[in-house]
Amino acid sequence: MNTKSKAMSEFKFGNAVVVPNSRGQCIKPTHFEEDGTYWLVNNGIWYYWRELWGWCGYIGQVNTAFLASKQPLSQMYV
């Protein structure tokens, strides 16, 4: 069953969350924060999701504090 959420233009396929990028390609987020922000890490580069802009590159420091606030989406569905 496919449903579209109004929250972030996400699509849910079963338990998987898939977010379309600017080219209409669906890229699945890899992490989330307690505030509801979805994150994607691809080849060591971090991106966060914004409704108006899509995936935005993170330019801050990736350190222990940064990583501690992110939970892998795989843990969300356990």
PDB file of N, CA and C in Angstrom:
ATOM      1  N   MET A   1       0.833  -1.175   0.000  1.00  0.00           N
ATOM      2  CA  MET A   1       0.000   0.000   0.000  1.00  0.00           C
ATOM      3  C   MET A   1       0.882   1.243   0.000  1.00  0.00           C
ATOM      4  N   ASN A   2       0.614   2.163  -0.872  1.00  0.00           N
ATOM      5  CA  ASN A   2       1.374   3.409  -0.962  1.00  0.00           C
ATOM      6  C   ASN A   2       0.533   4.536  -0.392  1.00  0.00           C
ATOM      7  N   THR A   3       1.092   5.278   0.530  1.00  0.00           N
ATOM      8  CA  THR A   3       0.397   6.449   1.065  1.00  0.00           C
ATOM      9  C   THR A   3       1.344   7.624   1.045  1.00  0.00           C
ATOM     10  N   LYS A   4       0.807   8.802   0.791  1.00  0.00           N
ATOM     11  CA  LYS A   4       1.626  10.004   0.759  1.00  0.00           C
ATOM     12  C   LYS A   4       1.350  10.834   1.999  1.00  0.00           C
ATOM     13  N   SER A   5       2.369  11.193   2.719  1.00  0.00           N
ATOM     14  CA  SER A   5       2.254  12.002   3.924  1.00  0.00           C
ATOM     15  C   SER A   5       2.339  13.476   3.550  1.00  0.00           C
ATOM     16  N   LYS A   6       1.544  14.305   4.214  1.00  0.00           N
ATOM     17  CA  LYS A   6       1.605  15.742   3.978  1.00  0.00           C
ATOM     18  C   LYS A   6       2.800  16.373   4.686  1.00  0.00           C
ATOM     19  N   ALA A   7       3.359  15.676   5.672  1.00  0.00           N
ATOM     20  CA  ALA A   7       4.415  16.248   6.512  1.00  0.00           C
ATOM     21  C   ALA A   7       5.667  16.612   5.730  1.00  0.00           C
ATOM     22  N   MET A   8       6.161  15.746   4.856  1.00  0.00           N
ATOM     23  CA  MET A   8       7.402  16.055   4.159  1.00  0.00           C
ATOM     24  C   MET A   8       7.417  15.473   2.751  1.00  0.00           C
ATOM     25  N   SER A   9       6.245  15.352   2.137  1.00  0.00           N
ATOM     26  CA  SER A   9       6.144  14.769   0.804  1.00  0.00           C
ATOM     27  C   SER A   9       6.832  13.415   0.748  1.00  0.00           C
ATOM     28  N   GLU A  10       6.676  12.654   1.794  1.00  0.00           N
ATOM     29  CA  GLU A  10       7.296  11.338   1.843  1.00  0.00           C
ATOM     30  C   GLU A  10       6.290  10.296   1.372  1.00  0.00           C
ATOM     31  N   PHE A  11       6.794   9.212   0.915  1.00  0.00           N
ATOM     32  CA  PHE A  11       5.961   8.099   0.535  1.00  0.00           C
ATOM     33  C   PHE A  11       6.315   6.936   1.434  1.00  0.00           C
ATOM     34  N   LYS A  12       5.322   6.206   1.886  1.00  0.00           N
ATOM     35  CA  LYS A  12       5.582   5.048   2.728  1.00  0.00           C
ATOM     36  C   LYS A  12       5.170   3.801   1.968  1.00  0.00           C
ATOM     37  N   PHE A  13       6.093   2.875   1.894  1.00  0.00           N
ATOM     38  CA  PHE A  13       5.852   1.584   1.290  1.00  0.00           C
ATOM     39  C   PHE A  13       6.028   0.556   2.388  1.00  0.00           C
ATOM     40  N   GLY A  14       4.936   0.131   2.999  1.00  0.00           N
ATOM     41  CA  GLY A  14       5.042  -0.732   4.170  1.00  0.00           C
ATOM     42  C   GLY A  14       5.650   0.062   5.306  1.00  0.00           C
ATOM     43  N   ASN A  15       6.786  -0.396   5.826  1.00  0.00           N
ATOM     44  CA  ASN A  15       7.473   0.317   6.902  1.00  0.00           C
ATOM     45  C   ASN A  15       8.575   1.234   6.399  1.00  0.00           C
ATOM     46  N   ALA A  16       8.834   1.244   5.103  1.00  0.00           N
ATOM     47  CA  ALA A  16       9.935   2.046   4.566  1.00  0.00           C
ATOM     48  C   ALA A  16       9.452   3.452   4.213  1.00  0.00           C
ATOM     49  N   VAL A  17      10.249   4.427   4.534  1.00  0.00           N
ATOM     50  CA  VAL A  17       9.969   5.820   4.174  1.00  0.00           C
ATOM     51  C   VAL A  17      10.848   6.183   3.004  1.00  0.00           C
ATOM     52  N   VAL A  18      10.264   6.703   1.950  1.00  0.00           N
ATOM     53  CA  VAL A  18      11.016   7.066   0.759  1.00  0.00           C
ATOM     54  C   VAL A  18      10.675   8.507   0.403  1.00  0.00           C
ATOM     55  N   VAL A  19      11.691   9.328   0.196  1.00  0.00           N
ATOM     56  CA  VAL A  19      11.491  10.741  -0.088  1.00  0.00           C
ATOM     57  C   VAL A  19      11.982  11.053  -1.495  1.00  0.00           C
ATOM     58  N   PRO A  20      11.133  11.641  -2.356  1.00  0.00           N
ATOM     59  CA  PRO A  20      11.595  11.972  -3.702  1.00  0.00           C
ATOM     60  C   PRO A  20      12.534  13.175  -3.682  1.00  0.00           C
ATOM     61  N   ASN A  21      13.602  13.126  -4.488  1.00  0.00           N
ATOM     62  CA  ASN A  21      14.489  14.278  -4.588  1.00  0.00           C
ATOM     63  C   ASN A  21      13.994  15.207  -5.703  1.00  0.00           C
ATOM     64  N   SER A  22      14.750  16.232  -6.029  1.00  0.00           N
ATOM     65  CA  SER A  22      14.317  17.227  -7.016  1.00  0.00           C
ATOM     66  C   SER A  22      14.136  16.639  -8.407  1.00  0.00           C
ATOM     67  N   ARG A  23      14.760  15.513  -8.670  1.00  0.00           N
ATOM     68  CA  ARG A  23      14.611  14.871  -9.979  1.00  0.00           C
ATOM     69  C   ARG A  23      13.505  13.827  -9.977  1.00  0.00           C
ATOM     70  N   GLY A  24      12.782  13.736  -8.870  1.00  0.00           N
ATOM     71  CA  GLY A  24      11.722  12.754  -8.773  1.00  0.00           C
ATOM     72  C   GLY A  24      12.203  11.365  -8.406  1.00  0.00           C
ATOM     73  N   GLN A  25      13.515  11.224  -8.154  1.00  0.00           N
ATOM     74  CA  GLN A  25      14.052   9.934  -7.743  1.00  0.00           C
ATOM     75  C   GLN A  25      13.768   9.749  -6.261  1.00  0.00           C
ATOM     76  N   CYS A  26      13.425   8.555  -5.876  1.00  0.00           N
ATOM     77  CA  CYS A  26      13.144   8.281  -4.471  1.00  0.00           C
ATOM     78  C   CYS A  26      14.415   7.825  -3.774  1.00  0.00           C
ATOM     79  N   ILE A  27      14.789   8.558  -2.756  1.00  0.00           N
ATOM     80  CA  ILE A  27      15.977   8.255  -1.967  1.00  0.00           C
ATOM     81  C   ILE A  27      15.521   8.041  -0.533  1.00  0.00           C
ATOM     82  N   LYS A  28      15.823   6.886   0.009  1.00  0.00           N
ATOM     83  CA  LYS A  28      15.393   6.539   1.350  1.00  0.00           C
ATOM     84  C   LYS A  28      16.322   7.150   2.393  1.00  0.00           C
ATOM     85  N   PRO A  29      15.768   7.872   3.372  1.00  0.00           N
ATOM     86  CA  PRO A  29      16.601   8.394   4.457  1.00  0.00           C
ATOM     87  C   PRO A  29      17.215   7.252   5.247  1.00  0.00           C
ATOM     88  N   THR A  30      18.357   7.512   5.854  1.00  0.00           N
ATOM     89  CA  THR A  30      19.042   6.480   6.625  1.00  0.00           C
ATOM     90  C   THR A  30      18.929   6.697   8.127  1.00  0.00           C
ATOM     91  N   HIS A  31      18.650   7.929   8.564  1.00  0.00           N
ATOM     92  CA  HIS A  31      18.608   8.262   9.986  1.00  0.00           C
ATOM     93  C   HIS A  31      17.473   9.257  10.256  1.00  0.00           C
ATOM     94  N   PHE A  32      17.141   9.424  11.524  1.00  0.00           N
ATOM     95  CA  PHE A  32      16.172  10.433  11.941  1.00  0.00           C
ATOM     96  C   PHE A  32      16.590  10.994  13.291  1.00  0.00           C
ATOM     97  N   GLU A  33      16.052  12.176  13.599  1.00  0.00           N
ATOM     98  CA  GLU A  33      16.266  12.806  14.903  1.00  0.00           C
ATOM     99  C   GLU A  33      14.938  12.843  15.641  1.00  0.00           C
ATOM    100  N   GLU A  34      14.997  13.025  16.941  1.00  0.00           N
ATOM    101  CA  GLU A  34      13.777  13.088  17.746  1.00  0.00           C
ATOM    102  C   GLU A  34      12.872  14.242  17.337  1.00  0.00           C
ATOM    103  N   ASP A  35      13.433  15.298  16.743  1.00  0.00           N
ATOM    104  CA  ASP A  35      12.603  16.431  16.320  1.00  0.00           C
ATOM    105  C   ASP A  35      11.877  16.162  14.995  1.00  0.00           C
ATOM    106  N   GLY A  36      12.100  14.970  14.415  1.00  0.00           N
ATOM    107  CA  GLY A  36      11.412  14.602  13.190  1.00  0.00           C
ATOM    108  C   GLY A  36      12.203  14.834  11.918  1.00  0.00           C
ATOM    109  N   THR A  37      13.407  15.356  12.043  1.00  0.00           N
ATOM    110  CA  THR A  37      14.245  15.596  10.866  1.00  0.00           C
ATOM    111  C   THR A  37      14.764  14.275  10.312  1.00  0.00           C
ATOM    112  N   TYR A  38      14.606  14.100   8.998  1.00  0.00           N
ATOM    113  CA  TYR A  38      15.167  12.925   8.330  1.00  0.00           C
ATOM    114  C   TYR A  38      16.560  13.259   7.810  1.00  0.00           C
ATOM    115  N   TRP A  39      17.469  12.290   7.903  1.00  0.00           N
ATOM    116  CA  TRP A  39      18.848  12.442   7.464  1.00  0.00           C
ATOM    117  C   TRP A  39      19.204  11.320   6.506  1.00  0.00           C
ATOM    118  N   LEU A  40      20.112  11.639   5.602  1.00  0.00           N
ATOM    119  CA  LEU A  40      20.626  10.670   4.643  1.00  0.00           C
ATOM    120  C   LEU A  40      22.144  10.755   4.678  1.00  0.00           C
ATOM    121  N   VAL A  41      22.810   9.627   4.799  1.00  0.00           N
ATOM    122  CA  VAL A  41      24.269   9.606   4.685  1.00  0.00           C
ATOM    123  C   VAL A  41      24.596   8.753   3.468  1.00  0.00           C
ATOM    124  N   ASN A  42      25.390   9.329   2.578  1.00  0.00           N
ATOM    125  CA  ASN A  42      25.760   8.662   1.336  1.00  0.00           C
ATOM    126  C   ASN A  42      27.242   8.902   1.096  1.00  0.00           C
ATOM    127  N   ASN A  43      28.031   7.834   1.112  1.00  0.00           N
ATOM    128  CA  ASN A  43      29.484   7.933   0.942  1.00  0.00           C
ATOM    129  C   ASN A  43      30.116   8.898   1.944  1.00  0.00           C
ATOM    130  N   GLY A  44      29.620   8.878   3.181  1.00  0.00           N
ATOM    131  CA  GLY A  44      30.180   9.714   4.238  1.00  0.00           C
ATOM    132  C   GLY A  44      29.717  11.157   4.229  1.00  0.00           C
ATOM    133  N   ILE A  45      28.863  11.533   3.294  1.00  0.00           N
ATOM    134  CA  ILE A  45      28.331  12.902   3.219  1.00  0.00           C
ATOM    135  C   ILE A  45      26.916  12.890   3.774  1.00  0.00           C
ATOM    136  N   TRP A  46      26.627  13.811   4.696  1.00  0.00           N
ATOM    137  CA  TRP A  46      25.333  13.877   5.367  1.00  0.00           C
ATOM    138  C   TRP A  46      24.433  14.918   4.706  1.00  0.00           C
ATOM    139  N   TYR A  47      23.148  14.585   4.609  1.00  0.00           N
ATOM    140  CA  TYR A  47      22.129  15.475   4.056  1.00  0.00           C
ATOM    141  C   TYR A  47      20.929  15.461   4.999  1.00  0.00           C
ATOM    142  N   TYR A  48      20.226  16.582   5.101  1.00  0.00           N
ATOM    143  CA  TYR A  48      18.988  16.636   5.876  1.00  0.00           C
ATOM    144  C   TYR A  48      17.861  17.083   4.947  1.00  0.00           C
ATOM    145  N   TRP A  49      16.616  16.702   5.279  1.00  0.00           N
ATOM    146  CA  TRP A  49      15.469  16.972   4.426  1.00  0.00           C
ATOM    147  C   TRP A  49      14.755  18.253   4.840  1.00  0.00           C
ATOM    148  N   ARG A  50      14.489  19.119   3.855  1.00  0.00           N
ATOM    149  CA  ARG A  50      13.663  20.310   4.043  1.00  0.00           C
ATOM    150  C   ARG A  50      12.571  20.291   2.989  1.00  0.00           C
ATOM    151  N   GLU A  51      11.355  20.556   3.421  1.00  0.00           N
ATOM    152  CA  GLU A  51      10.194  20.463   2.544  1.00  0.00           C
ATOM    153  C   GLU A  51      10.346  21.282   1.260  1.00  0.00           C
ATOM    154  N   LEU A  52      10.772  22.520   1.369  1.00  0.00           N
ATOM    155  CA  LEU A  52      10.870  23.378   0.183  1.00  0.00           C
ATOM    156  C   LEU A  52      12.085  23.093  -0.688  1.00  0.00           C
ATOM    157  N   TRP A  53      13.138  22.549  -0.099  1.00  0.00           N
ATOM    158  CA  TRP A  53      14.401  22.407  -0.819  1.00  0.00           C
ATOM    159  C   TRP A  53      14.786  20.966  -1.135  1.00  0.00           C
ATOM    160  N   GLY A  54      14.191  20.009  -0.445  1.00  0.00           N
ATOM    161  CA  GLY A  54      14.594  18.616  -0.642  1.00  0.00           C
ATOM    162  C   GLY A  54      15.815  18.304   0.208  1.00  0.00           C
ATOM    163  N   TRP A  55      16.710  17.473  -0.307  1.00  0.00           N
ATOM    164  CA  TRP A  55      17.915  17.096   0.435  1.00  0.00           C
ATOM    165  C   TRP A  55      18.923  18.231   0.406  1.00  0.00           C
ATOM    166  N   CYS A  56      19.370  18.672   1.592  1.00  0.00           N
ATOM    167  CA  CYS A  56      20.336  19.765   1.733  1.00  0.00           C
ATOM    168  C   CYS A  56      21.616  19.207   2.356  1.00  0.00           C
ATOM    169  N   GLY A  57      22.739  19.567   1.817  1.00  0.00           N
ATOM    170  CA  GLY A  57      24.016  19.105   2.347  1.00  0.00           C
ATOM    171  C   GLY A  57      24.316  19.714   3.700  1.00  0.00           C
ATOM    172  N   TYR A  58      24.793  18.899   4.617  1.00  0.00           N
ATOM    173  CA  TYR A  58      25.177  19.359   5.951  1.00  0.00           C
ATOM    174  C   TYR A  58      26.636  19.774   5.912  1.00  0.00           C
ATOM    175  N   ILE A  59      26.922  20.997   6.362  1.00  0.00           N
ATOM    176  CA  ILE A  59      28.297  21.498   6.279  1.00  0.00           C
ATOM    177  C   ILE A  59      28.976  21.609   7.641  1.00  0.00           C
ATOM    178  N   GLY A  60      28.294  21.170   8.698  1.00  0.00           N
ATOM    179  CA  GLY A  60      28.876  21.239  10.033  1.00  0.00           C
ATOM    180  C   GLY A  60      29.817  20.085  10.309  1.00  0.00           C
ATOM    181  N   GLN A  61      30.325  20.087  11.515  1.00  0.00           N
ATOM    182  CA  GLN A  61      31.266  19.057  11.940  1.00  0.00           C
ATOM    183  C   GLN A  61      30.524  17.765  12.289  1.00  0.00           C
ATOM    184  N   VAL A  62      30.990  16.655  11.756  1.00  0.00           N
ATOM    185  CA  VAL A  62      30.427  15.346  12.091  1.00  0.00           C
ATOM    186  C   VAL A  62      31.291  14.760  13.199  1.00  0.00           C
ATOM    187  N   ASN A  63      30.802  14.932  14.426  1.00  0.00           N
ATOM    188  CA  ASN A  63      31.544  14.448  15.590  1.00  0.00           C
ATOM    189  C   ASN A  63      30.630  13.583  16.456  1.00  0.00           C
ATOM    190  N   THR A  64      31.104  13.214  17.627  1.00  0.00           N
ATOM    191  CA  THR A  64      30.346  12.343  18.511  1.00  0.00           C
ATOM    192  C   THR A  64      28.999  12.943  18.894  1.00  0.00           C
ATOM    193  N   ALA A  65      28.954  14.233  19.187  1.00  0.00           N
ATOM    194  CA  ALA A  65      27.696  14.886  19.570  1.00  0.00           C
ATOM    195  C   ALA A  65      26.699  14.863  18.405  1.00  0.00           C
ATOM    196  N   PHE A  66      27.176  15.118  17.205  1.00  0.00           N
ATOM    197  CA  PHE A  66      26.318  15.086  16.014  1.00  0.00           C
ATOM    198  C   PHE A  66      25.746  13.680  15.831  1.00  0.00           C
ATOM    199  N   LEU A  67      26.605  12.688  15.870  1.00  0.00           N
ATOM    200  CA  LEU A  67      26.169  11.314  15.622  1.00  0.00           C
ATOM    201  C   LEU A  67      25.258  10.784  16.728  1.00  0.00           C
ATOM    202  N   ALA A  68      25.446  11.263  17.950  1.00  0.00           N
ATOM    203  CA  ALA A  68      24.625  10.798  19.075  1.00  0.00           C
ATOM    204  C   ALA A  68      23.161  11.179  18.919  1.00  0.00           C
ATOM    205  N   SER A  69      22.881  12.251  18.200  1.00  0.00           N
ATOM    206  CA  SER A  69      21.494  12.702  18.041  1.00  0.00           C
ATOM    207  C   SER A  69      20.767  12.022  16.879  1.00  0.00           C
ATOM    208  N   LYS A  70      21.451  11.182  16.130  1.00  0.00           N
ATOM    209  CA  LYS A  70      20.858  10.503  14.967  1.00  0.00           C
ATOM    210  C   LYS A  70      20.609   9.034  15.288  1.00  0.00           C
ATOM    211  N   GLN A  71      19.449   8.548  14.919  1.00  0.00           N
ATOM    212  CA  GLN A  71      19.106   7.142  15.096  1.00  0.00           C
ATOM    213  C   GLN A  71      18.921   6.510  13.730  1.00  0.00           C
ATOM    214  N   PRO A  72      19.545   5.366  13.474  1.00  0.00           N
ATOM    215  CA  PRO A  72      19.327   4.689  12.192  1.00  0.00           C
ATOM    216  C   PRO A  72      17.854   4.322  12.025  1.00  0.00           C
ATOM    217  N   LEU A  73      17.319   4.524  10.845  1.00  0.00           N
ATOM    218  CA  LEU A  73      15.919   4.187  10.614  1.00  0.00           C
ATOM    219  C   LEU A  73      15.661   2.709  10.803  1.00  0.00           C
ATOM    220  N   SER A  74      16.657   1.871  10.609  1.00  0.00           N
ATOM    221  CA  SER A  74      16.465   0.444  10.822  1.00  0.00           C
ATOM    222  C   SER A  74      16.052   0.150  12.258  1.00  0.00           C
ATOM    223  N   GLN A  75      16.494   0.969  13.217  1.00  0.00           N
ATOM    224  CA  GLN A  75      16.109   0.782  14.617  1.00  0.00           C
ATOM    225  C   GLN A  75      14.683   1.236  14.863  1.00  0.00           C
ATOM    226  N   MET A  76      14.174   2.112  14.020  1.00  0.00           N
ATOM    227  CA  MET A  76      12.826   2.642  14.188  1.00  0.00           C
ATOM    228  C   MET A  76      11.777   1.555  14.002  1.00  0.00           C
ATOM    229  N   TYR A  77      12.073   0.572  13.174  1.00  0.00           N
ATOM    230  CA  TYR A  77      11.086  -0.442  12.845  1.00  0.00           C
ATOM    231  C   TYR A  77      11.333  -1.785  13.529  1.00  0.00           C
ATOM    232  N   VAL A  78      12.262  -1.808  14.502  1.00  0.00           N
ATOM    233  CA  VAL A  78      12.570  -3.062  15.198  1.00  0.00           C
ATOM    234  C   VAL A  78      11.519  -3.320  16.250  1.00  0.00           C
TER     235      VAL A  78
END
